[in-house]
Amino acid sequence: MVIHVISALPVPKGVLRRIEKRFAAFIWDAGGDKRRHWISFDKMCRPYGCGGLNLCRLQDMKKSMQAKLAWKRLQRDSVWAEFISRKYRANGARRKSGLWKEL
Protein backbone atom coordinates (compact mmCIF):
# COMPACT_ATOMS: atom_id res chain seq x y z
CA MET A 1 0.00 0.00 0.00
CA VAL A 2 2.87 2.37 0.72
CA ILE A 3 4.08 2.18 -2.89
CA HIS A 4 0.71 3.50 -4.05
CA VAL A 5 1.04 6.51 -1.77
CA ILE A 6 4.60 7.09 -3.00
CA SER A 7 3.42 6.94 -6.61
CA ALA A 8 0.64 9.48 -6.08
CA LEU A 9 2.42 12.02 -3.87
CA PRO A 10 5.56 14.07 -4.45
CA VAL A 11 8.24 12.32 -2.41
CA PRO A 12 11.79 13.73 -2.48
CA LYS A 13 14.52 11.47 -3.84
CA GLY A 14 16.38 11.77 -0.55
CA VAL A 15 13.49 10.18 1.31
CA LEU A 16 13.38 7.32 -1.19
CA ARG A 17 17.13 6.81 -0.74
CA ARG A 18 16.73 6.68 3.05
CA ILE A 19 14.00 4.05 2.72
CA GLU A 20 16.26 2.01 0.42
CA LYS A 21 19.05 2.27 3.00
CA ARG A 22 16.65 0.74 5.53
CA PHE A 23 15.92 -2.09 3.10
CA ALA A 24 19.63 -2.72 2.65
CA ALA A 25 20.28 -2.59 6.41
CA PHE A 26 17.56 -5.19 6.91
CA ILE A 27 19.10 -7.50 4.33
CA TRP A 28 22.65 -7.08 5.63
CA ASP A 29 21.80 -7.28 9.33
CA ALA A 30 23.18 -10.46 10.84
CA GLY A 31 21.97 -9.74 14.35
CA GLY A 32 25.45 -9.01 15.67
CA ASP A 33 27.34 -5.82 16.36
CA LYS A 34 29.46 -6.06 13.25
CA ARG A 35 27.79 -5.92 9.84
CA ARG A 36 29.53 -6.93 6.72
CA HIS A 37 28.30 -5.66 3.38
CA TRP A 38 29.07 -8.52 1.06
CA ILE A 39 27.42 -6.90 -1.93
CA SER A 40 26.25 -3.37 -2.77
CA PHE A 41 22.56 -2.50 -2.93
CA ASP A 42 23.00 -1.58 -6.61
CA LYS A 43 24.14 -5.14 -7.33
CA MET A 44 21.21 -6.55 -5.36
CA CYS A 45 18.86 -4.63 -7.66
CA ARG A 46 20.19 -6.47 -10.73
CA PRO A 47 18.17 -9.33 -12.27
CA TYR A 48 18.76 -12.91 -11.09
CA GLY A 49 20.55 -13.79 -14.31
CA CYS A 50 23.11 -11.03 -13.69
CA GLY A 51 23.86 -12.11 -10.13
CA GLY A 52 21.41 -9.86 -8.28
CA LEU A 53 18.38 -10.43 -6.09
CA ASN A 54 15.96 -8.81 -8.58
CA LEU A 55 14.98 -6.02 -6.17
CA CYS A 56 13.41 -2.85 -7.57
CA ARG A 57 14.59 0.64 -6.78
CA LEU A 58 11.84 2.81 -5.30
CA GLN A 59 12.45 5.59 -7.83
CA ASP A 60 11.97 3.14 -10.71
CA MET A 61 8.86 1.69 -9.06
CA LYS A 62 7.46 5.19 -8.57
CA LYS A 63 7.99 6.07 -12.24
CA SER A 64 6.31 2.88 -13.42
CA MET A 65 3.31 3.39 -11.13
CA GLN A 66 2.96 7.00 -12.32
CA ALA A 67 3.05 5.82 -15.93
CA LYS A 68 0.33 3.31 -15.12
CA LEU A 69 -1.83 6.01 -13.51
CA ALA A 70 -1.28 8.34 -16.46
CA TRP A 71 -2.21 5.56 -18.91
CA LYS A 72 -5.40 4.76 -17.00
CA ARG A 73 -6.27 8.44 -16.95
CA LEU A 74 -5.80 8.71 -20.72
CA GLN A 75 -7.79 5.55 -21.44
CA ARG A 76 -10.69 6.57 -19.18
CA ASP A 77 -11.75 2.95 -18.83
CA SER A 78 -11.59 2.73 -15.05
CA VAL A 79 -13.56 4.06 -12.12
CA TRP A 80 -10.38 5.76 -10.87
CA ALA A 81 -9.88 7.69 -14.12
CA GLU A 82 -13.49 8.85 -14.14
CA PHE A 83 -13.30 9.94 -10.50
CA ILE A 84 -10.04 11.87 -10.98
CA SER A 85 -11.32 13.55 -14.14
CA ARG A 86 -14.51 14.70 -12.46
CA LYS A 87 -12.81 15.82 -9.29
CA TYR A 88 -9.89 17.76 -10.75
CA ARG A 89 -11.26 18.87 -14.11
CA ALA A 90 -14.49 20.49 -13.04
CA ASN A 91 -15.93 22.80 -15.74
CA GLY A 92 -12.92 22.20 -18.01
CA ALA A 93 -10.56 24.04 -15.66
CA ARG A 94 -7.71 22.08 -14.12
CA ARG A 95 -7.53 22.31 -10.33
CA LYS A 96 -4.17 22.18 -8.58
CA SER A 97 -3.21 18.87 -7.08
CA GLY A 98 0.00 17.06 -6.14
CA LEU A 99 -1.24 14.13 -8.19
CA TRP A 100 -1.46 16.18 -11.41
CA LYS A 101 2.06 17.51 -10.88
CA GLU A 102 3.38 13.96 -10.48
CA LEU A 103 1.56 12.65 -13.57
PDB file of N, CA and C in Angstrom:
ATOM      1  N   MET A   1       0.826  -1.194   0.000  1.00  0.00           N
ATOM      2  CA  MET A   1       0.000   0.000   0.000  1.00  0.00           C
ATOM      3  C   MET A   1       0.870   1.257   0.000  1.00  0.00           C
ATOM      4  N   VAL A   2       2.009   1.201   0.649  1.00  0.00           N
ATOM      5  CA  VAL A   2       2.875   2.370   0.720  1.00  0.00           C
ATOM      6  C   VAL A   2       3.351   2.796  -0.664  1.00  0.00           C
ATOM      7  N   ILE A   3       3.596   1.843  -1.548  1.00  0.00           N
ATOM      8  CA  ILE A   3       4.079   2.175  -2.893  1.00  0.00           C
ATOM      9  C   ILE A   3       3.030   2.977  -3.653  1.00  0.00           C
ATOM     10  N   HIS A   4       1.757   2.744  -3.393  1.00  0.00           N
ATOM     11  CA  HIS A   4       0.707   3.502  -4.051  1.00  0.00           C
ATOM     12  C   HIS A   4       0.686   4.952  -3.571  1.00  0.00           C
ATOM     13  N   VAL A   5       0.951   5.156  -2.308  1.00  0.00           N
ATOM     14  CA  VAL A   5       1.038   6.515  -1.765  1.00  0.00           C
ATOM     15  C   VAL A   5       2.255   7.217  -2.357  1.00  0.00           C
ATOM     16  N   ILE A   6       3.378   6.507  -2.429  1.00  0.00           N
ATOM     17  CA  ILE A   6       4.598   7.087  -2.996  1.00  0.00           C
ATOM     18  C   ILE A   6       4.391   7.459  -4.463  1.00  0.00           C
ATOM     19  N   SER A   7       3.627   6.650  -5.190  1.00  0.00           N
ATOM     20  CA  SER A   7       3.423   6.937  -6.612  1.00  0.00           C
ATOM     21  C   SER A   7       2.503   8.129  -6.831  1.00  0.00           C
ATOM     22  N   ALA A   8       1.618   8.405  -5.899  1.00  0.00           N
ATOM     23  CA  ALA A   8       0.644   9.481  -6.084  1.00  0.00           C
ATOM     24  C   ALA A   8       1.073  10.807  -5.468  1.00  0.00           C
ATOM     25  N   LEU A   9       2.008  10.790  -4.551  1.00  0.00           N
ATOM     26  CA  LEU A   9       2.420  12.020  -3.871  1.00  0.00           C
ATOM     27  C   LEU A   9       3.859  12.385  -4.224  1.00  0.00           C
ATOM     28  N   PRO A  10       4.174  13.671  -4.183  1.00  0.00           N
ATOM     29  CA  PRO A  10       5.564  14.070  -4.450  1.00  0.00           C
ATOM     30  C   PRO A  10       6.468  13.726  -3.263  1.00  0.00           C
ATOM     31  N   VAL A  11       7.317  12.747  -3.453  1.00  0.00           N
ATOM     32  CA  VAL A  11       8.243  12.315  -2.410  1.00  0.00           C
ATOM     33  C   VAL A  11       9.653  12.651  -2.871  1.00  0.00           C
ATOM     34  N   PRO A  12      10.420  13.392  -2.077  1.00  0.00           N
ATOM     35  CA  PRO A  12      11.792  13.732  -2.478  1.00  0.00           C
ATOM     36  C   PRO A  12      12.663  12.495  -2.658  1.00  0.00           C
ATOM     37  N   LYS A  13      13.619  12.594  -3.563  1.00  0.00           N
ATOM     38  CA  LYS A  13      14.517  11.474  -3.840  1.00  0.00           C
ATOM     39  C   LYS A  13      15.317  11.083  -2.604  1.00  0.00           C
ATOM     40  N   GLY A  14      15.635  12.062  -1.772  1.00  0.00           N
ATOM     41  CA  GLY A  14      16.381  11.770  -0.547  1.00  0.00           C
ATOM     42  C   GLY A  14      15.616  10.854   0.393  1.00  0.00           C
ATOM     43  N   VAL A  15      14.321  11.035   0.462  1.00  0.00           N
ATOM     44  CA  VAL A  15      13.488  10.179   1.312  1.00  0.00           C
ATOM     45  C   VAL A  15      13.473   8.757   0.749  1.00  0.00           C
ATOM     46  N   LEU A  16      13.358   8.639  -0.568  1.00  0.00           N
ATOM     47  CA  LEU A  16      13.380   7.316  -1.192  1.00  0.00           C
ATOM     48  C   LEU A  16      14.717   6.623  -0.948  1.00  0.00           C
ATOM     49  N   ARG A  17      15.803   7.382  -1.008  1.00  0.00           N
ATOM     50  CA  ARG A  17      17.131   6.808  -0.743  1.00  0.00           C
ATOM     51  C   ARG A  17      17.242   6.313   0.703  1.00  0.00           C
ATOM     52  N   ARG A  18      16.683   7.098   1.644  1.00  0.00           N
ATOM     53  CA  ARG A  18      16.728   6.678   3.047  1.00  0.00           C
ATOM     54  C   ARG A  18      15.934   5.386   3.273  1.00  0.00           C
ATOM     55  N   ILE A  19      14.793   5.269   2.604  1.00  0.00           N
ATOM     56  CA  ILE A  19      13.999   4.046   2.719  1.00  0.00           C
ATOM     57  C   ILE A  19      14.777   2.865   2.148  1.00  0.00           C
ATOM     58  N   GLU A  20      15.446   3.080   1.007  1.00  0.00           N
ATOM     59  CA  GLU A  20      16.256   2.014   0.420  1.00  0.00           C
ATOM     60  C   GLU A  20      17.414   1.625   1.333  1.00  0.00           C
ATOM     61  N   LYS A  21      17.976   2.589   2.042  1.00  0.00           N
ATOM     62  CA  LYS A  21      19.045   2.270   3.004  1.00  0.00           C
ATOM     63  C   LYS A  21      18.510   1.366   4.109  1.00  0.00           C
ATOM     64  N   ARG A  22      17.276   1.600   4.512  1.00  0.00           N
ATOM     65  CA  ARG A  22      16.655   0.737   5.527  1.00  0.00           C
ATOM     66  C   ARG A  22      16.462  -0.680   4.990  1.00  0.00           C
ATOM     67  N   PHE A  23      16.051  -0.777   3.730  1.00  0.00           N
ATOM     68  CA  PHE A  23      15.921  -2.092   3.096  1.00  0.00           C
ATOM     69  C   PHE A  23      17.259  -2.818   3.131  1.00  0.00           C
ATOM     70  N   ALA A  24      18.302  -2.114   2.711  1.00  0.00           N
ATOM     71  CA  ALA A  24      19.632  -2.716   2.655  1.00  0.00           C
ATOM     72  C   ALA A  24      20.108  -3.122   4.053  1.00  0.00           C
ATOM     73  N   ALA A  25      19.862  -2.264   5.037  1.00  0.00           N
ATOM     74  CA  ALA A  25      20.277  -2.587   6.406  1.00  0.00           C
ATOM     75  C   ALA A  25      19.553  -3.833   6.905  1.00  0.00           C
ATOM     76  N   PHE A  26      18.302  -3.986   6.531  1.00  0.00           N
ATOM     77  CA  PHE A  26      17.556  -5.187   6.912  1.00  0.00           C
ATOM     78  C   PHE A  26      18.167  -6.433   6.282  1.00  0.00           C
ATOM     79  N   ILE A  27      18.530  -6.344   5.024  1.00  0.00           N
ATOM     80  CA  ILE A  27      19.099  -7.500   4.330  1.00  0.00           C
ATOM     81  C   ILE A  27      20.478  -7.846   4.883  1.00  0.00           C
ATOM     82  N   TRP A  28      21.286  -6.842   5.183  1.00  0.00           N
ATOM     83  CA  TRP A  28      22.648  -7.075   5.633  1.00  0.00           C
ATOM     84  C   TRP A  28      22.755  -7.377   7.122  1.00  0.00           C
ATOM     85  N   ASP A  29      21.733  -7.121   7.885  1.00  0.00           N
ATOM     86  CA  ASP A  29      21.804  -7.282   9.334  1.00  0.00           C
ATOM     87  C   ASP A  29      21.913  -8.755   9.694  1.00  0.00           C
ATOM     88  N   ALA A  30      22.961  -9.084  10.421  1.00  0.00           N
ATOM     89  CA  ALA A  30      23.184 -10.463  10.835  1.00  0.00           C
ATOM     90  C   ALA A  30      22.820 -10.654  12.304  1.00  0.00           C
ATOM     91  N   GLY A  31      22.343  -9.618  12.953  1.00  0.00           N
ATOM     92  CA  GLY A  31      21.973  -9.736  14.353  1.00  0.00           C
ATOM     93  C   GLY A  31      23.109  -9.429  15.304  1.00  0.00           C
ATOM     94  N   GLY A  32      24.306  -9.298  14.815  1.00  0.00           N
ATOM     95  CA  GLY A  32      25.449  -9.007  15.668  1.00  0.00           C
ATOM     96  C   GLY A  32      25.803  -7.535  15.642  1.00  0.00           C
ATOM     97  N   ASP A  33      26.885  -7.204  16.319  1.00  0.00           N
ATOM     98  CA  ASP A  33      27.339  -5.820  16.357  1.00  0.00           C
ATOM     99  C   ASP A  33      28.024  -5.409  15.062  1.00  0.00           C
ATOM    100  N   LYS A  34      28.685  -6.362  14.438  1.00  0.00           N
ATOM    101  CA  LYS A  34      29.463  -6.059  13.247  1.00  0.00           C
ATOM    102  C   LYS A  34      28.699  -6.509  12.005  1.00  0.00           C
ATOM    103  N   ARG A  35      28.474  -5.577  11.091  1.00  0.00           N
ATOM    104  CA  ARG A  35      27.792  -5.916   9.844  1.00  0.00           C
ATOM    105  C   ARG A  35      28.787  -5.906   8.710  1.00  0.00           C
ATOM    106  N   ARG A  36      28.653  -6.859   7.864  1.00  0.00           N
ATOM    107  CA  ARG A  36      29.532  -6.932   6.720  1.00  0.00           C
ATOM    108  C   ARG A  36      28.681  -6.794   5.460  1.00  0.00           C
ATOM    109  N   HIS A  37      29.018  -5.869   4.622  1.00  0.00           N
ATOM    110  CA  HIS A  37      28.298  -5.655   3.376  1.00  0.00           C
ATOM    111  C   HIS A  37      28.992  -6.473   2.287  1.00  0.00           C
ATOM    112  N   TRP A  38      28.452  -7.621   2.020  1.00  0.00           N
ATOM    113  CA  TRP A  38      29.069  -8.516   1.057  1.00  0.00           C
ATOM    114  C   TRP A  38      28.844  -8.065  -0.376  1.00  0.00           C
ATOM    115  N   ILE A  39      27.773  -7.329  -0.584  1.00  0.00           N
ATOM    116  CA  ILE A  39      27.418  -6.896  -1.933  1.00  0.00           C
ATOM    117  C   ILE A  39      26.715  -5.546  -1.824  1.00  0.00           C
ATOM    118  N   SER A  40      26.888  -4.690  -2.820  1.00  0.00           N
ATOM    119  CA  SER A  40      26.251  -3.371  -2.769  1.00  0.00           C
ATOM    120  C   SER A  40      24.762  -3.486  -3.096  1.00  0.00           C
ATOM    121  N   PHE A  41      23.998  -2.496  -2.670  1.00  0.00           N
ATOM    122  CA  PHE A  41      22.563  -2.496  -2.935  1.00  0.00           C
ATOM    123  C   PHE A  41      22.293  -2.394  -4.432  1.00  0.00           C
ATOM    124  N   ASP A  42      23.147  -1.677  -5.149  1.00  0.00           N
ATOM    125  CA  ASP A  42      22.996  -1.585  -6.608  1.00  0.00           C
ATOM    126  C   ASP A  42      23.079  -2.967  -7.257  1.00  0.00           C
ATOM    127  N   LYS A  43      24.005  -3.788  -6.775  1.00  0.00           N
ATOM    128  CA  LYS A  43      24.137  -5.136  -7.334  1.00  0.00           C
ATOM    129  C   LYS A  43      22.966  -6.025  -6.941  1.00  0.00           C
ATOM    130  N   MET A  44      22.381  -5.784  -5.772  1.00  0.00           N
ATOM    131  CA  MET A  44      21.208  -6.554  -5.365  1.00  0.00           C
ATOM    132  C   MET A  44      19.997  -6.229  -6.240  1.00  0.00           C
ATOM    133  N   CYS A  45      19.983  -5.045  -6.820  1.00  0.00           N
ATOM    134  CA  CYS A  45      18.864  -4.631  -7.664  1.00  0.00           C
ATOM    135  C   CYS A  45      18.962  -5.185  -9.081  1.00  0.00           C
ATOM    136  N   ARG A  46      20.033  -5.861  -9.402  1.00  0.00           N
ATOM    137  CA  ARG A  46      20.187  -6.470 -10.725  1.00  0.00           C
ATOM    138  C   ARG A  46      19.277  -7.700 -10.843  1.00  0.00           C
ATOM    139  N   PRO A  47      18.965  -8.109 -12.077  1.00  0.00           N
ATOM    140  CA  PRO A  47      18.168  -9.335 -12.270  1.00  0.00           C
ATOM    141  C   PRO A  47      18.914 -10.580 -11.780  1.00  0.00           C
ATOM    142  N   TYR A  48      18.157 -11.658 -11.541  1.00  0.00           N
ATOM    143  CA  TYR A  48      18.758 -12.908 -11.086  1.00  0.00           C
ATOM    144  C   TYR A  48      19.854 -13.386 -12.031  1.00  0.00           C
ATOM    145  N   GLY A  49      19.599 -13.305 -13.315  1.00  0.00           N
ATOM    146  CA  GLY A  49      20.553 -13.790 -14.306  1.00  0.00           C
ATOM    147  C   GLY A  49      21.884 -13.051 -14.283  1.00  0.00           C
ATOM    148  N   CYS A  50      21.875 -11.832 -13.769  1.00  0.00           N
ATOM    149  CA  CYS A  50      23.107 -11.027 -13.695  1.00  0.00           C
ATOM    150  C   CYS A  50      23.727 -11.060 -12.310  1.00  0.00           C
ATOM    151  N   GLY A  51      23.264 -11.962 -11.450  1.00  0.00           N
ATOM    152  CA  GLY A  51      23.861 -12.110 -10.131  1.00  0.00           C
ATOM    153  C   GLY A  51      23.226 -11.270  -9.041  1.00  0.00           C
ATOM    154  N   GLY A  52      22.077 -10.680  -9.291  1.00  0.00           N
ATOM    155  CA  GLY A  52      21.410  -9.859  -8.282  1.00  0.00           C
ATOM    156  C   GLY A  52      20.260 -10.593  -7.618  1.00  0.00           C
ATOM    157  N   LEU A  53      19.530  -9.873  -6.781  1.00  0.00           N
ATOM    158  CA  LEU A  53      18.376 -10.429  -6.092  1.00  0.00           C
ATOM    159  C   LEU A  53      17.052  -9.982  -6.716  1.00  0.00           C
ATOM    160  N   ASN A  54      17.135  -9.266  -7.835  1.00  0.00           N
ATOM    161  CA  ASN A  54      15.961  -8.813  -8.582  1.00  0.00           C
ATOM    162  C   ASN A  54      15.083  -7.853  -7.769  1.00  0.00           C
ATOM    163  N   LEU A  55      15.712  -7.042  -6.919  1.00  0.00           N
ATOM    164  CA  LEU A  55      14.978  -6.017  -6.172  1.00  0.00           C
ATOM    165  C   LEU A  55      14.750  -4.807  -7.068  1.00  0.00           C
ATOM    166  N   CYS A  56      13.704  -4.059  -6.788  1.00  0.00           N
ATOM    167  CA  CYS A  56      13.410  -2.849  -7.568  1.00  0.00           C
ATOM    168  C   CYS A  56      13.770  -1.614  -6.758  1.00  0.00           C
ATOM    169  N   ARG A  57      14.335  -0.643  -7.418  1.00  0.00           N
ATOM    170  CA  ARG A  57      14.593   0.642  -6.781  1.00  0.00           C
ATOM    171  C   ARG A  57      13.267   1.370  -6.638  1.00  0.00           C
ATOM    172  N   LEU A  58      13.092   2.098  -5.541  1.00  0.00           N
ATOM    173  CA  LEU A  58      11.837   2.809  -5.303  1.00  0.00           C
ATOM    174  C   LEU A  58      11.580   3.881  -6.350  1.00  0.00           C
ATOM    175  N   GLN A  59      12.618   4.551  -6.808  1.00  0.00           N
ATOM    176  CA  GLN A  59      12.452   5.594  -7.827  1.00  0.00           C
ATOM    177  C   GLN A  59      11.924   4.986  -9.128  1.00  0.00           C
ATOM    178  N   ASP A  60      12.448   3.818  -9.506  1.00  0.00           N
ATOM    179  CA  ASP A  60      11.965   3.135 -10.709  1.00  0.00           C
ATOM    180  C   ASP A  60      10.531   2.663 -10.532  1.00  0.00           C
ATOM    181  N   MET A  61      10.223   2.148  -9.342  1.00  0.00           N
ATOM    182  CA  MET A  61       8.865   1.692  -9.057  1.00  0.00           C
ATOM    183  C   MET A  61       7.882   2.862  -9.096  1.00  0.00           C
ATOM    184  N   LYS A  62       8.316   4.000  -8.571  1.00  0.00           N
ATOM    185  CA  LYS A  62       7.464   5.192  -8.570  1.00  0.00           C
ATOM    186  C   LYS A  62       7.163   5.634 -10.001  1.00  0.00           C
ATOM    187  N   LYS A  63       8.188   5.656 -10.847  1.00  0.00           N
ATOM    188  CA  LYS A  63       7.987   6.065 -12.241  1.00  0.00           C
ATOM    189  C   LYS A  63       7.035   5.125 -12.968  1.00  0.00           C
ATOM    190  N   SER A  64       7.187   3.830 -12.737  1.00  0.00           N
ATOM    191  CA  SER A  64       6.308   2.880 -13.418  1.00  0.00           C
ATOM    192  C   SER A  64       4.870   2.999 -12.933  1.00  0.00           C
ATOM    193  N   MET A  65       4.668   3.216 -11.643  1.00  0.00           N
ATOM    194  CA  MET A  65       3.306   3.386 -11.127  1.00  0.00           C
ATOM    195  C   MET A  65       2.678   4.679 -11.651  1.00  0.00           C
ATOM    196  N   GLN A  66       3.481   5.744 -11.769  1.00  0.00           N
ATOM    197  CA  GLN A  66       2.960   6.999 -12.321  1.00  0.00           C
ATOM    198  C   GLN A  66       2.593   6.832 -13.791  1.00  0.00           C
ATOM    199  N   ALA A  67       3.381   6.080 -14.523  1.00  0.00           N
ATOM    200  CA  ALA A  67       3.053   5.820 -15.930  1.00  0.00           C
ATOM    201  C   ALA A  67       1.754   5.027 -16.036  1.00  0.00           C
ATOM    202  N   LYS A  68       1.566   4.090 -15.128  1.00  0.00           N
ATOM    203  CA  LYS A  68       0.333   3.305 -15.118  1.00  0.00           C
ATOM    204  C   LYS A  68      -0.872   4.199 -14.819  1.00  0.00           C
ATOM    205  N   LEU A  69      -0.737   5.093 -13.835  1.00  0.00           N
ATOM    206  CA  LEU A  69      -1.833   6.014 -13.514  1.00  0.00           C
ATOM    207  C   LEU A  69      -2.128   6.948 -14.680  1.00  0.00           C
ATOM    208  N   ALA A  70      -1.080   7.442 -15.319  1.00  0.00           N
ATOM    209  CA  ALA A  70      -1.278   8.337 -16.464  1.00  0.00           C
ATOM    210  C   ALA A  70      -1.970   7.593 -17.612  1.00  0.00           C
ATOM    211  N   TRP A  71      -1.585   6.349 -17.846  1.00  0.00           N
ATOM    212  CA  TRP A  71      -2.207   5.557 -18.908  1.00  0.00           C
ATOM    213  C   TRP A  71      -3.693   5.324 -18.611  1.00  0.00           C
ATOM    214  N   LYS A  72      -3.989   4.967 -17.370  1.00  0.00           N
ATOM    215  CA  LYS A  72      -5.396   4.758 -17.003  1.00  0.00           C
ATOM    216  C   LYS A  72      -6.194   6.043 -17.161  1.00  0.00           C
ATOM    217  N   ARG A  73      -5.583   7.139 -16.821  1.00  0.00           N
ATOM    218  CA  ARG A  73      -6.266   8.437 -16.953  1.00  0.00           C
ATOM    219  C   ARG A  73      -6.562   8.737 -18.420  1.00  0.00           C
ATOM    220  N   LEU A  74      -5.607   8.456 -19.292  1.00  0.00           N
ATOM    221  CA  LEU A  74      -5.798   8.708 -20.718  1.00  0.00           C
ATOM    222  C   LEU A  74      -6.823   7.762 -21.341  1.00  0.00           C
ATOM    223  N   GLN A  75      -6.862   6.531 -20.890  1.00  0.00           N
ATOM    224  CA  GLN A  75      -7.786   5.547 -21.444  1.00  0.00           C
ATOM    225  C   GLN A  75      -9.220   5.753 -20.963  1.00  0.00           C
ATOM    226  N   ARG A  76      -9.378   6.308 -19.787  1.00  0.00           N
ATOM    227  CA  ARG A  76     -10.694   6.567 -19.184  1.00  0.00           C
ATOM    228  C   ARG A  76     -11.573   5.321 -19.128  1.00  0.00           C
ATOM    229  N   ASP A  77     -10.968   4.177 -18.902  1.00  0.00           N
ATOM    230  CA  ASP A  77     -11.749   2.947 -18.834  1.00  0.00           C
ATOM    231  C   ASP A  77     -11.814   2.375 -17.419  1.00  0.00           C
ATOM    232  N   SER A  78     -11.537   3.210 -16.429  1.00  0.00           N
ATOM    233  CA  SER A  78     -11.588   2.732 -15.054  1.00  0.00           C
ATOM    234  C   SER A  78     -12.367   3.717 -14.189  1.00  0.00           C
ATOM    235  N   VAL A  79     -12.832   3.218 -13.075  1.00  0.00           N
ATOM    236  CA  VAL A  79     -13.557   4.064 -12.122  1.00  0.00           C
ATOM    237  C   VAL A  79     -12.628   5.155 -11.595  1.00  0.00           C
ATOM    238  N   TRP A  80     -11.354   4.796 -11.371  1.00  0.00           N
ATOM    239  CA  TRP A  80     -10.376   5.757 -10.867  1.00  0.00           C
ATOM    240  C   TRP A  80     -10.216   6.930 -11.836  1.00  0.00           C
ATOM    241  N   ALA A  81     -10.081   6.635 -13.123  1.00  0.00           N
ATOM    242  CA  ALA A  81      -9.883   7.693 -14.120  1.00  0.00           C
ATOM    243  C   ALA A  81     -11.098   8.613 -14.180  1.00  0.00           C
ATOM    244  N   GLU A  82     -12.264   8.035 -14.112  1.00  0.00           N
ATOM    245  CA  GLU A  82     -13.487   8.849 -14.141  1.00  0.00           C
ATOM    246  C   GLU A  82     -13.580   9.740 -12.903  1.00  0.00           C
ATOM    247  N   PHE A  83     -13.266   9.175 -11.754  1.00  0.00           N
ATOM    248  CA  PHE A  83     -13.302   9.938 -10.502  1.00  0.00           C
ATOM    249  C   PHE A  83     -12.312  11.105 -10.536  1.00  0.00           C
ATOM    250  N   ILE A  84     -11.074  10.829 -10.938  1.00  0.00           N
ATOM    251  CA  ILE A  84     -10.044  11.871 -10.983  1.00  0.00           C
ATOM    252  C   ILE A  84     -10.418  12.954 -11.987  1.00  0.00           C
ATOM    253  N   SER A  85     -10.934  12.560 -13.135  1.00  0.00           N
ATOM    254  CA  SER A  85     -11.325  13.549 -14.144  1.00  0.00           C
ATOM    255  C   SER A  85     -12.434  14.458 -13.634  1.00  0.00           C
ATOM    256  N   ARG A  86     -13.405  13.880 -12.980  1.00  0.00           N
ATOM    257  CA  ARG A  86     -14.513  14.701 -12.460  1.00  0.00           C
ATOM    258  C   ARG A  86     -14.082  15.575 -11.292  1.00  0.00           C
ATOM    259  N   LYS A  87     -13.224  15.054 -10.462  1.00  0.00           N
ATOM    260  CA  LYS A  87     -12.815  15.817  -9.286  1.00  0.00           C
ATOM    261  C   LYS A  87     -11.895  16.985  -9.639  1.00  0.00           C
ATOM    262  N   TYR A  88     -10.904  16.744 -10.496  1.00  0.00           N
ATOM    263  CA  TYR A  88      -9.890  17.755 -10.748  1.00  0.00           C
ATOM    264  C   TYR A  88     -10.058  18.510 -12.058  1.00  0.00           C
ATOM    265  N   ARG A  89     -11.030  18.141 -12.857  1.00  0.00           N
ATOM    266  CA  ARG A  89     -11.263  18.866 -14.106  1.00  0.00           C
ATOM    267  C   ARG A  89     -12.697  19.367 -14.160  1.00  0.00           C
ATOM    268  N   ALA A  90     -13.127  19.952 -13.096  1.00  0.00           N
ATOM    269  CA  ALA A  90     -14.489  20.486 -13.036  1.00  0.00           C
ATOM    270  C   ALA A  90     -14.608  21.687 -13.969  1.00  0.00           C
ATOM    271  N   ASN A  91     -15.643  21.707 -14.794  1.00  0.00           N
ATOM    272  CA  ASN A  91     -15.931  22.798 -15.736  1.00  0.00           C
ATOM    273  C   ASN A  91     -14.771  23.065 -16.698  1.00  0.00           C
ATOM    274  N   GLY A  92     -14.005  22.056 -17.036  1.00  0.00           N
ATOM    275  CA  GLY A  92     -12.923  22.204 -18.006  1.00  0.00           C
ATOM    276  C   GLY A  92     -11.670  22.856 -17.456  1.00  0.00           C
ATOM    277  N   ALA A  93     -11.729  23.391 -16.256  1.00  0.00           N
ATOM    278  CA  ALA A  93     -10.556  24.040 -15.657  1.00  0.00           C
ATOM    279  C   ALA A  93      -9.817  23.022 -14.792  1.00  0.00           C
ATOM    280  N   ARG A  94      -8.520  23.017 -14.885  1.00  0.00           N
ATOM    281  CA  ARG A  94      -7.710  22.081 -14.118  1.00  0.00           C
ATOM    282  C   ARG A  94      -7.448  22.660 -12.733  1.00  0.00           C
ATOM    283  N   ARG A  95      -7.808  21.893 -11.707  1.00  0.00           N
ATOM    284  CA  ARG A  95      -7.533  22.313 -10.334  1.00  0.00           C
ATOM    285  C   ARG A  95      -6.159  21.818  -9.921  1.00  0.00           C
ATOM    286  N   LYS A  96      -5.511  22.563  -9.025  1.00  0.00           N
ATOM    287  CA  LYS A  96      -4.169  22.184  -8.582  1.00  0.00           C
ATOM    288  C   LYS A  96      -4.236  20.979  -7.665  1.00  0.00           C
ATOM    289  N   SER A  97      -3.296  20.072  -7.887  1.00  0.00           N
ATOM    290  CA  SER A  97      -3.205  18.867  -7.080  1.00  0.00           C
ATOM    291  C   SER A  97      -1.793  18.313  -7.198  1.00  0.00           C
ATOM    292  N   GLY A  98      -1.304  17.711  -6.111  1.00  0.00           N
ATOM    293  CA  GLY A  98       0.000  17.064  -6.142  1.00  0.00           C
ATOM    294  C   GLY A  98       0.015  15.900  -7.117  1.00  0.00           C
ATOM    295  N   LEU A  99      -1.137  15.245  -7.269  1.00  0.00           N
ATOM    296  CA  LEU A  99      -1.239  14.127  -8.190  1.00  0.00           C
ATOM    297  C   LEU A  99      -1.034  14.568  -9.625  1.00  0.00           C
ATOM    298  N   TRP A 100      -1.629  15.685 -10.040  1.00  0.00           N
ATOM    299  CA  TRP A 100      -1.456  16.184 -11.407  1.00  0.00           C
ATOM    300  C   TRP A 100      -0.003  16.538 -11.677  1.00  0.00           C
ATOM    301  N   LYS A 101       0.649  17.138 -10.699  1.00  0.00           N
ATOM    302  CA  LYS A 101       2.058  17.508 -10.880  1.00  0.00           C
ATOM    303  C   LYS A 101       2.917  16.270 -11.096  1.00  0.00           C
ATOM    304  N   GLU A 102       2.610  15.192 -10.366  1.00  0.00           N
ATOM    305  CA  GLU A 102       3.382  13.958 -10.477  1.00  0.00           C
ATOM    306  C   GLU A 102       3.124  13.245 -11.805  1.00  0.00           C
ATOM    307  N   LEU A 103       1.885  13.317 -12.296  1.00  0.00           N
ATOM    308  CA  LEU A 103       1.564  12.654 -13.566  1.00  0.00           C
ATOM    309  C   LEU A 103       2.064  13.490 -14.710  1.00  0.00           C
TER     310      LEU A 103
END
